[in-house]
C-alpha atoms as a PDB file:
ATOM      1  CA  GLN A   1      42.930 -13.010  20.652  1.00  0.00           C
ATOM      2  CA  ALA A   2      43.143 -16.312  18.771  1.00  0.00           C
ATOM      3  CA  SER A   3      46.347 -18.310  19.038  1.00  0.00           C
ATOM      4  CA  PRO A   4      48.517 -18.663  15.899  1.00  0.00           C
ATOM      5  CA  ALA A   5      47.687 -22.372  15.781  1.00  0.00           C
ATOM      6  CA  MET A   6      43.941 -21.707  15.820  1.00  0.00           C
ATOM      7  CA  THR A   7      44.265 -18.962  13.211  1.00  0.00           C
ATOM      8  CA  ASN A   8      46.160 -21.265  10.881  1.00  0.00           C
ATOM      9  CA  GLU A   9      43.449 -23.906  11.158  1.00  0.00           C
ATOM     10  CA  LEU A  10      40.600 -21.568  10.197  1.00  0.00           C
ATOM     11  CA  THR A  11      39.727 -21.316   6.516  1.00  0.00           C
ATOM     12  CA  PHE A  12      36.874 -19.312   5.025  1.00  0.00           C
ATOM     13  CA  TYR A  13      35.576 -21.182   1.989  1.00  0.00           C
ATOM     14  CA  VAL A  14      34.303 -18.312  -0.145  1.00  0.00           C
ATOM     15  CA  ASP A  15      33.440 -20.486  -3.151  1.00  0.00           C
ATOM     16  CA  LYS A  16      31.311 -22.810  -1.032  1.00  0.00           C
ATOM     17  CA  HIS A  17      29.365 -19.885   0.392  1.00  0.00           C
ATOM     18  CA  ILE A  18      28.767 -18.496  -3.096  1.00  0.00           C
ATOM     19  CA  THR A  19      27.637 -21.872  -4.412  1.00  0.00           C
ATOM     20  CA  TYR A  20      25.249 -22.312  -1.495  1.00  0.00           C
ATOM     21  CA  ILE A  21      23.648 -18.888  -1.898  1.00  0.00           C
ATOM     22  CA  LYS A  22      23.199 -19.345  -5.641  1.00  0.00           C
ATOM     23  CA  SER A  23      21.567 -22.739  -5.074  1.00  0.00           C
ATOM     24  CA  LEU A  24      18.804 -21.477  -2.780  1.00  0.00           C
ATOM     25  CA  ASP A  25      16.334 -20.620  -5.541  1.00  0.00           C
ATOM     26  CA  GLY A  26      16.735 -24.091  -7.023  1.00  0.00           C
ATOM     27  CA  ARG A  27      15.061 -25.875  -4.114  1.00  0.00           C
ATOM     28  CA  LYS A  28      11.520 -25.597  -5.379  1.00  0.00           C
ATOM     29  CA  ASP A  29      10.793 -29.242  -4.507  1.00  0.00           C
ATOM     30  CA  SER A  30      11.271 -28.586  -0.779  1.00  0.00           C
ATOM     31  CA  LEU A  31       8.507 -27.669   1.661  1.00  0.00           C
ATOM     32  CA  GLU A  32      10.709 -24.991   3.232  1.00  0.00           C
ATOM     33  CA  TYR A  33      10.937 -23.158  -0.102  1.00  0.00           C
ATOM     34  CA  TRP A  34       7.203 -22.614  -0.260  1.00  0.00           C
ATOM     35  CA  LEU A  35       6.754 -21.973   3.456  1.00  0.00           C
ATOM     36  CA  THR A  36       9.126 -19.004   3.130  1.00  0.00           C
ATOM     37  CA  GLU A  37       7.347 -17.445   0.154  1.00  0.00           C
ATOM     38  CA  HIS A  38       6.304 -14.544   2.412  1.00  0.00           C
ATOM     39  CA  LEU A  39      10.010 -13.643   2.746  1.00  0.00           C
ATOM     40  CA  ARG A  40      11.048 -14.261  -0.854  1.00  0.00           C
ATOM     41  CA  ILE A  41      12.034 -10.792  -2.057  1.00  0.00           C
ATOM     42  CA  SER A  42      13.853 -10.060   1.191  1.00  0.00           C
ATOM     43  CA  GLY A  43      15.657 -13.390   0.777  1.00  0.00           C
ATOM     44  CA  VAL A  44      16.805 -12.251  -2.651  1.00  0.00           C
ATOM     45  CA  TYR A  45      18.178  -9.058  -1.094  1.00  0.00           C
ATOM     46  CA  TRP A  46      19.944 -10.955   1.713  1.00  0.00           C
ATOM     47  CA  GLY A  47      21.511 -13.325  -0.802  1.00  0.00           C
ATOM     48  CA  LEU A  48      22.541 -10.532  -3.153  1.00  0.00           C
ATOM     49  CA  ALA A  49      24.046  -8.494  -0.308  1.00  0.00           C
ATOM     50  CA  ALA A  50      25.995 -11.521   0.901  1.00  0.00           C
ATOM     51  CA  LEU A  51      27.313 -12.149  -2.615  1.00  0.00           C
ATOM     52  CA  CYS A  52      28.443  -8.529  -2.838  1.00  0.00           C
ATOM     53  CA  LEU A  53      30.325  -8.910   0.443  1.00  0.00           C
ATOM     54  CA  LEU A  54      31.991 -11.967  -1.083  1.00  0.00           C
ATOM     55  CA  ASN A  55      33.029  -9.903  -4.134  1.00  0.00           C
ATOM     56  CA  CYS A  56      30.614 -11.816  -6.349  1.00  0.00           C
ATOM     57  CA  THR A  57      28.396  -8.969  -7.520  1.00  0.00           C
ATOM     58  CA  ASN A  58      27.277 -10.913 -10.586  1.00  0.00           C
ATOM     59  CA  GLY A  59      26.317 -14.001  -8.612  1.00  0.00           C
ATOM     60  CA  LEU A  60      22.623 -13.663  -9.452  1.00  0.00           C
ATOM     61  CA  PRO A  61      21.388 -13.259 -13.049  1.00  0.00           C
ATOM     62  CA  ARG A  62      20.769  -9.509 -13.323  1.00  0.00           C
ATOM     63  CA  ASP A  63      17.919  -9.469 -15.857  1.00  0.00           C
ATOM     64  CA  GLU A  64      16.010 -12.266 -14.116  1.00  0.00           C
ATOM     65  CA  THR A  65      16.483 -10.639 -10.731  1.00  0.00           C
ATOM     66  CA  ILE A  66      15.169  -7.286 -11.964  1.00  0.00           C
ATOM     67  CA  ALA A  67      12.211  -8.951 -13.693  1.00  0.00           C
ATOM     68  CA  TYR A  68      11.328 -10.796 -10.503  1.00  0.00           C
ATOM     69  CA  VAL A  69      11.436  -7.618  -8.427  1.00  0.00           C
ATOM     70  CA  LYS A  70       9.198  -5.798 -10.908  1.00  0.00           C
ATOM     71  CA  SER A  71       6.728  -8.699 -10.830  1.00  0.00           C
ATOM     72  CA  CYS A  72       6.256  -8.063  -7.097  1.00  0.00           C
ATOM     73  CA  GLN A  73       5.184  -4.433  -7.575  1.00  0.00           C
ATOM     74  CA  HIS A  74       1.581  -3.287  -7.182  1.00  0.00           C
ATOM     75  CA  THR A  75      -0.031  -0.539  -9.213  1.00  0.00           C
ATOM     76  CA  SER A  76       0.019   1.545  -6.002  1.00  0.00           C
ATOM     77  CA  GLY A  77       3.826   1.603  -6.154  1.00  0.00           C
ATOM     78  CA  GLY A  78       4.550  -0.693  -3.210  1.00  0.00           C
ATOM     79  CA  PHE A  79       6.060  -4.152  -3.455  1.00  0.00           C
ATOM     80  CA  GLY A  80       4.925  -7.454  -1.992  1.00  0.00           C
ATOM     81  CA  ALA A  81       7.078 -10.315  -0.757  1.00  0.00           C
ATOM     82  CA  HIS A  82       6.244 -12.338  -3.886  1.00  0.00           C
ATOM     83  CA  PRO A  83       3.807 -11.935  -6.782  1.00  0.00           C
ATOM     84  CA  GLY A  84       0.287 -12.040  -5.355  1.00  0.00           C
ATOM     85  CA  HIS A  85       1.290 -10.841  -1.882  1.00  0.00           C
ATOM     86  CA  ASP A  86       0.125  -7.524  -0.415  1.00  0.00           C
ATOM     87  CA  ALA A  87       2.405  -4.514  -0.692  1.00  0.00           C
ATOM     88  CA  HIS A  88       4.349  -3.842   2.500  1.00  0.00           C
ATOM     89  CA  MET A  89       7.040  -1.422   3.621  1.00  0.00           C
ATOM     90  CA  LEU A  90       9.566  -4.141   4.484  1.00  0.00           C
ATOM     91  CA  TYR A  91       9.367  -5.753   1.059  1.00  0.00           C
ATOM     92  CA  THR A  92       9.357  -2.413  -0.708  1.00  0.00           C
ATOM     93  CA  VAL A  93      12.627  -1.596   1.035  1.00  0.00           C
ATOM     94  CA  SER A  94      14.103  -4.926  -0.103  1.00  0.00           C
ATOM     95  CA  ALA A  95      12.959  -4.266  -3.678  1.00  0.00           C
ATOM     96  CA  VAL A  96      14.515  -0.795  -3.738  1.00  0.00           C
ATOM     97  CA  GLN A  97      17.750  -2.114  -2.245  1.00  0.00           C
ATOM     98  CA  ILE A  98      17.984  -4.862  -4.865  1.00  0.00           C
ATOM     99  CA  LEU A  99      17.399  -2.403  -7.695  1.00  0.00           C
ATOM    100  CA  ALA A 100      19.946   0.003  -6.219  1.00  0.00           C
ATOM    101  CA  ILE A 101      22.580  -2.734  -5.995  1.00  0.00           C
ATOM    102  CA  THR A 102      21.899  -3.867  -9.566  1.00  0.00           C
ATOM    103  CA  ASP A 103      21.896  -0.247 -10.805  1.00  0.00           C
ATOM    104  CA  ALA A 104      18.324  -0.650 -12.046  1.00  0.00           C
ATOM    105  CA  LEU A 105      16.308   2.024 -10.251  1.00  0.00           C
ATOM    106  CA  ASP A 106      15.535   3.480 -13.672  1.00  0.00           C
ATOM    107  CA  GLU A 107      13.452   0.345 -14.319  1.00  0.00           C
ATOM    108  CA  ILE A 108      10.687   1.591 -12.003  1.00  0.00           C
ATOM    109  CA  ASP A 109       8.697   4.778 -11.448  1.00  0.00           C
ATOM    110  CA  CYS A 110      10.600   6.136  -8.440  1.00  0.00           C
ATOM    111  CA  ASP A 111       8.067   8.932  -7.882  1.00  0.00           C
ATOM    112  CA  LEU A 112       5.239   6.393  -7.622  1.00  0.00           C
ATOM    113  CA  VAL A 113       7.154   4.299  -5.075  1.00  0.00           C
ATOM    114  CA  ALA A 114       8.073   7.396  -3.078  1.00  0.00           C
ATOM    115  CA  ARG A 115       4.438   8.559  -2.953  1.00  0.00           C
ATOM    116  CA  TRP A 116       3.314   5.130  -1.732  1.00  0.00           C
ATOM    117  CA  ILE A 117       5.886   5.265   1.064  1.00  0.00           C
ATOM    118  CA  ALA A 118       5.094   8.867   2.015  1.00  0.00           C
ATOM    119  CA  ASP A 119       1.366   8.102   2.229  1.00  0.00           C
ATOM    120  CA  LEU A 120       2.099   5.617   5.029  1.00  0.00           C
ATOM    121  CA  GLN A 121       3.530   8.290   7.340  1.00  0.00           C
ATOM    122  CA  GLN A 122       1.252   8.949  10.306  1.00  0.00           C
ATOM    123  CA  GLU A 123       0.471  12.221  12.084  1.00  0.00           C
ATOM    124  CA  SER A 124       2.923  11.267  14.870  1.00  0.00           C
ATOM    125  CA  GLY A 125       5.769  10.944  12.349  1.00  0.00           C
ATOM    126  CA  VAL A 126       6.030   7.160  12.458  1.00  0.00           C
ATOM    127  CA  PHE A 127       5.243   5.026   9.388  1.00  0.00           C
ATOM    128  CA  ALA A 128       2.755   2.209   9.000  1.00  0.00           C
ATOM    129  CA  GLY A 129       3.943  -0.990   7.365  1.00  0.00           C
ATOM    130  CA  ASP A 130       0.968  -1.232   5.018  1.00  0.00           C
ATOM    131  CA  GLU A 131      -2.603  -0.097   4.494  1.00  0.00           C
ATOM    132  CA  TRP A 132      -3.739  -1.972   7.615  1.00  0.00           C
ATOM    133  CA  GLY A 133      -1.940   0.480   9.888  1.00  0.00           C
ATOM    134  CA  GLU A 134       0.589  -1.402  12.070  1.00  0.00           C
ATOM    135  CA  THR A 135       3.301   1.049  13.134  1.00  0.00           C
ATOM    136  CA  ASP A 136       6.858   0.380  14.251  1.00  0.00           C
ATOM    137  CA  THR A 137      10.239   2.091  14.090  1.00  0.00           C
ATOM    138  CA  ARG A 138      11.286  -0.662  11.672  1.00  0.00           C
ATOM    139  CA  PHE A 139       8.906   0.834   9.142  1.00  0.00           C
ATOM    140  CA  LEU A 140      10.079   4.368   9.879  1.00  0.00           C
ATOM    141  CA  TYR A 141      13.686   3.381   9.220  1.00  0.00           C
ATOM    142  CA  GLY A 142      12.684   1.337   6.176  1.00  0.00           C
ATOM    143  CA  ALA A 143      10.828   4.284   4.703  1.00  0.00           C
ATOM    144  CA  MET A 144      13.817   6.568   5.193  1.00  0.00           C
ATOM    145  CA  ASN A 145      16.208   3.939   3.848  1.00  0.00           C
ATOM    146  CA  ALA A 146      14.191   3.469   0.654  1.00  0.00           C
ATOM    147  CA  LEU A 147      13.489   7.176   0.128  1.00  0.00           C
ATOM    148  CA  SER A 148      17.182   7.939   0.604  1.00  0.00           C
ATOM    149  CA  LEU A 149      18.129   5.393  -2.070  1.00  0.00           C
ATOM    150  CA  LEU A 150      15.450   6.791  -4.362  1.00  0.00           C
ATOM    151  CA  GLY A 151      16.680  10.342  -3.748  1.00  0.00           C
ATOM    152  CA  LYS A 152      13.193  11.325  -2.560  1.00  0.00           C
ATOM    153  CA  LEU A 153      13.538  12.179   1.141  1.00  0.00           C
ATOM    154  CA  GLU A 154      11.781  15.485   0.527  1.00  0.00           C
ATOM    155  CA  VAL A 155       8.387  13.766   0.150  1.00  0.00           C
ATOM    156  CA  MET A 156       8.228  12.850   3.865  1.00  0.00           C
ATOM    157  CA  ASN A 157       7.937  14.963   6.995  1.00  0.00           C
ATOM    158  CA  MET A 158      11.481  14.568   8.275  1.00  0.00           C
ATOM    159  CA  ASP A 159      11.080  16.682  11.396  1.00  0.00           C
ATOM    160  CA  LYS A 160       8.086  14.653  12.603  1.00  0.00           C
ATOM    161  CA  ALA A 161       9.927  11.380  11.927  1.00  0.00           C
ATOM    162  CA  VAL A 162      12.946  12.557  13.924  1.00  0.00           C
ATOM    163  CA  GLU A 163      10.702  13.787  16.737  1.00  0.00           C
ATOM    164  CA  TYR A 164       9.036  10.360  16.957  1.00  0.00           C
ATOM    165  CA  THR A 165      12.380   8.546  16.852  1.00  0.00           C
ATOM    166  CA  LEU A 166      13.828  10.665  19.647  1.00  0.00           C
ATOM    167  CA  ALA A 167      10.735   9.932  21.745  1.00  0.00           C
ATOM    168  CA  CYS A 168      11.583   6.223  21.510  1.00  0.00           C
ATOM    169  CA  GLN A 169      14.884   6.622  23.421  1.00  0.00           C
ATOM    170  CA  ASN A 170      14.675   5.336  26.999  1.00  0.00           C
ATOM    171  CA  HIS A 171      16.394   6.400  30.217  1.00  0.00           C
ATOM    172  CA  ASP A 172      18.916   3.550  29.756  1.00  0.00           C
ATOM    173  CA  GLY A 173      20.063   4.975  26.414  1.00  0.00           C
ATOM    174  CA  GLY A 174      18.434   2.337  24.233  1.00  0.00           C
ATOM    175  CA  PHE A 175      15.468   2.620  21.889  1.00  0.00           C
ATOM    176  CA  GLY A 176      12.187   0.732  21.730  1.00  0.00           C
ATOM    177  CA  MET A 177       9.723   0.069  18.924  1.00  0.00           C
ATOM    178  CA  ALA A 178       7.527   2.910  20.193  1.00  0.00           C
ATOM    179  CA  PRO A 179       7.745   5.564  22.922  1.00  0.00           C
ATOM    180  CA  GLY A 180       7.938   3.779  26.296  1.00  0.00           C
ATOM    181  CA  ALA A 181       8.676   0.351  24.798  1.00  0.00           C
ATOM    182  CA  GLU A 182      11.564  -1.818  26.041  1.00  0.00           C
ATOM    183  CA  SER A 183      15.026  -1.094  24.667  1.00  0.00           C
ATOM    184  CA  HIS A 184      16.139  -3.668  22.108  1.00  0.00           C
ATOM    185  CA  ALA A 185      19.218  -3.936  19.895  1.00  0.00           C
ATOM    186  CA  GLY A 186      17.134  -4.387  16.760  1.00  0.00           C
ATOM    187  CA  GLN A 187      15.134  -1.241  17.433  1.00  0.00           C
ATOM    188  CA  ILE A 188      18.333   0.631  18.219  1.00  0.00           C
ATOM    189  CA  PHE A 189      19.592  -0.251  14.758  1.00  0.00           C
ATOM    190  CA  THR A 190      16.450   1.146  13.152  1.00  0.00           C
ATOM    191  CA  CYS A 191      16.299   4.311  15.256  1.00  0.00           C
ATOM    192  CA  VAL A 192      19.990   5.136  14.999  1.00  0.00           C
ATOM    193  CA  GLY A 193      19.885   4.331  11.291  1.00  0.00           C
ATOM    194  CA  ALA A 194      16.977   6.713  10.801  1.00  0.00           C
ATOM    195  CA  LEU A 195      18.726   9.493  12.714  1.00  0.00           C
ATOM    196  CA  SER A 196      21.890   8.888  10.703  1.00  0.00           C
ATOM    197  CA  ILE A 197      19.999   9.281   7.414  1.00  0.00           C
ATOM    198  CA  ALA A 198      18.414  12.449   8.801  1.00  0.00           C
ATOM    199  CA  GLN A 199      21.873  13.674   9.935  1.00  0.00           C
ATOM    200  CA  ARG A 200      20.488  14.215  13.441  1.00  0.00           C
ATOM    201  CA  LEU A 201      22.675  11.896  15.549  1.00  0.00           C
ATOM    202  CA  ASP A 202      23.837  14.900  17.524  1.00  0.00           C
ATOM    203  CA  GLU A 203      20.428  14.996  19.223  1.00  0.00           C
ATOM    204  CA  ILE A 204      20.903  11.797  21.252  1.00  0.00           C
ATOM    205  CA  ASP A 205      23.132  10.861  24.186  1.00  0.00           C
ATOM    206  CA  GLN A 206      25.609   8.761  22.221  1.00  0.00           C
ATOM    207  CA  ASP A 207      27.787   7.819  25.185  1.00  0.00           C
ATOM    208  CA  LEU A 208      24.804   6.480  27.141  1.00  0.00           C
ATOM    209  CA  LEU A 209      23.652   4.481  24.119  1.00  0.00           C
ATOM    210  CA  ALA A 210      27.165   3.133  23.516  1.00  0.00           C
ATOM    211  CA  ASP A 211      27.287   1.955  27.145  1.00  0.00           C
ATOM    212  CA  TRP A 212      24.004   0.075  26.674  1.00  0.00           C
ATOM    213  CA  LEU A 213      25.320  -1.586  23.535  1.00  0.00           C
ATOM    214  CA  CYS A 214      28.598  -2.602  25.187  1.00  0.00           C
ATOM    215  CA  GLU A 215      26.646  -4.240  28.004  1.00  0.00           C
ATOM    216  CA  ARG A 216      25.101  -6.615  25.482  1.00  0.00           C
ATOM    217  CA  GLN A 217      28.332  -8.621  25.348  1.00  0.00           C
ATOM    218  CA  LEU A 218      28.259 -11.642  27.637  1.00  0.00           C
ATOM    219  CA  PRO A 219      31.212 -13.344  29.399  1.00  0.00           C
ATOM    220  CA  ASN A 220      31.368 -15.982  26.640  1.00  0.00           C
ATOM    221  CA  GLY A 221      31.884 -13.251  24.019  1.00  0.00           C
ATOM    222  CA  GLY A 222      28.422 -13.483  22.489  1.00  0.00           C
ATOM    223  CA  LEU A 223      25.942 -10.636  22.277  1.00  0.00           C
ATOM    224  CA  ASN A 224      22.318 -10.517  23.322  1.00  0.00           C
ATOM    225  CA  GLY A 225      19.594  -8.188  22.104  1.00  0.00           C
ATOM    226  CA  ARG A 226      18.429  -6.988  25.533  1.00  0.00           C
ATOM    227  CA  PRO A 227      19.235  -7.522  29.211  1.00  0.00           C
ATOM    228  CA  GLU A 228      18.833 -10.980  30.788  1.00  0.00           C
ATOM    229  CA  LYS A 229      18.724 -12.772  27.426  1.00  0.00           C
ATOM    230  CA  LEU A 230      21.070 -15.417  26.023  1.00  0.00           C
ATOM    231  CA  GLU A 231      23.527 -14.632  23.265  1.00  0.00           C
ATOM    232  CA  ASP A 232      22.170 -14.743  19.743  1.00  0.00           C
ATOM    233  CA  ASP A 233      24.096 -14.952  16.477  1.00  0.00           C
ATOM    234  CA  CYS A 234      21.892 -12.335  14.818  1.00  0.00           C
ATOM    235  CA  LYS A 235      23.025  -9.822  17.427  1.00  0.00           C
ATOM    236  CA  ARG A 236      26.701 -10.353  16.652  1.00  0.00           C
ATOM    237  CA  TRP A 237      26.286  -8.053  13.680  1.00  0.00           C
ATOM    238  CA  MET A 238      26.024  -4.648  15.352  1.00  0.00           C
ATOM    239  CA  PRO A 239      26.635  -2.036  12.655  1.00  0.00           C
ATOM    240  CA  PHE A 240      24.878   0.631  14.706  1.00  0.00           C
ATOM    241  CA  MET A 241      28.163   0.948  16.629  1.00  0.00           C
ATOM    242  CA  VAL A 242      29.639   2.340  13.420  1.00  0.00           C
ATOM    243  CA  TYR A 243      27.038   5.111  13.266  1.00  0.00           C
ATOM    244  CA  LEU A 244      28.227   6.333  16.660  1.00  0.00           C
ATOM    245  CA  GLU A 245      31.917   5.938  15.817  1.00  0.00           C
ATOM    246  CA  LYS A 246      32.386   4.006  19.069  1.00  0.00           C
END
């Protein structure tokens, strides 16, 4: 617990955070801007989500944001990271999330997007990220996330997806990216998230999983993503604990 003196010295500068986020798309003269083109639409989602958390829901120009998202869509229904990039599950999820936040899902053909996502489900129940066939529980969760927001979960084989997800849980309670793969906090987020959307959390050993998650905290207070690793700021955000009500 922080001392009163330390607490009094800490100030969260909301306006500075908002200004910084809004400035990111204005750095087109920097090399970093163009080297991150393959993450652009996800970057828009991350920025928009952060602005919403800061109670600045109108921080990005709505019409321009929607137009940009639509410019990333392929005729197949999927979205790329930026105009001219291949359609991929991860960027389609970001596009759907942006449109959901901006209350603009009626700007796209939701049935077309849902069919594109559903067509990427494999016989095992997992989803591929794109037409080239890489599979991962990230894509399974992403598919369920997007279909849930679109109100189209019925187009996928839910039972097969849940079966695959459950097969990814290891003896230590954690989940890997595929059956038999090493437990990792990131994959736990995707697997638990998928089971939460499917309303099937009762099918896993929640106490064992919660123990694994608690063991990720190191003596210095930081959290790692898997055993024997250093702490990592990206692992400090562990919303999957909320799913388990632990």
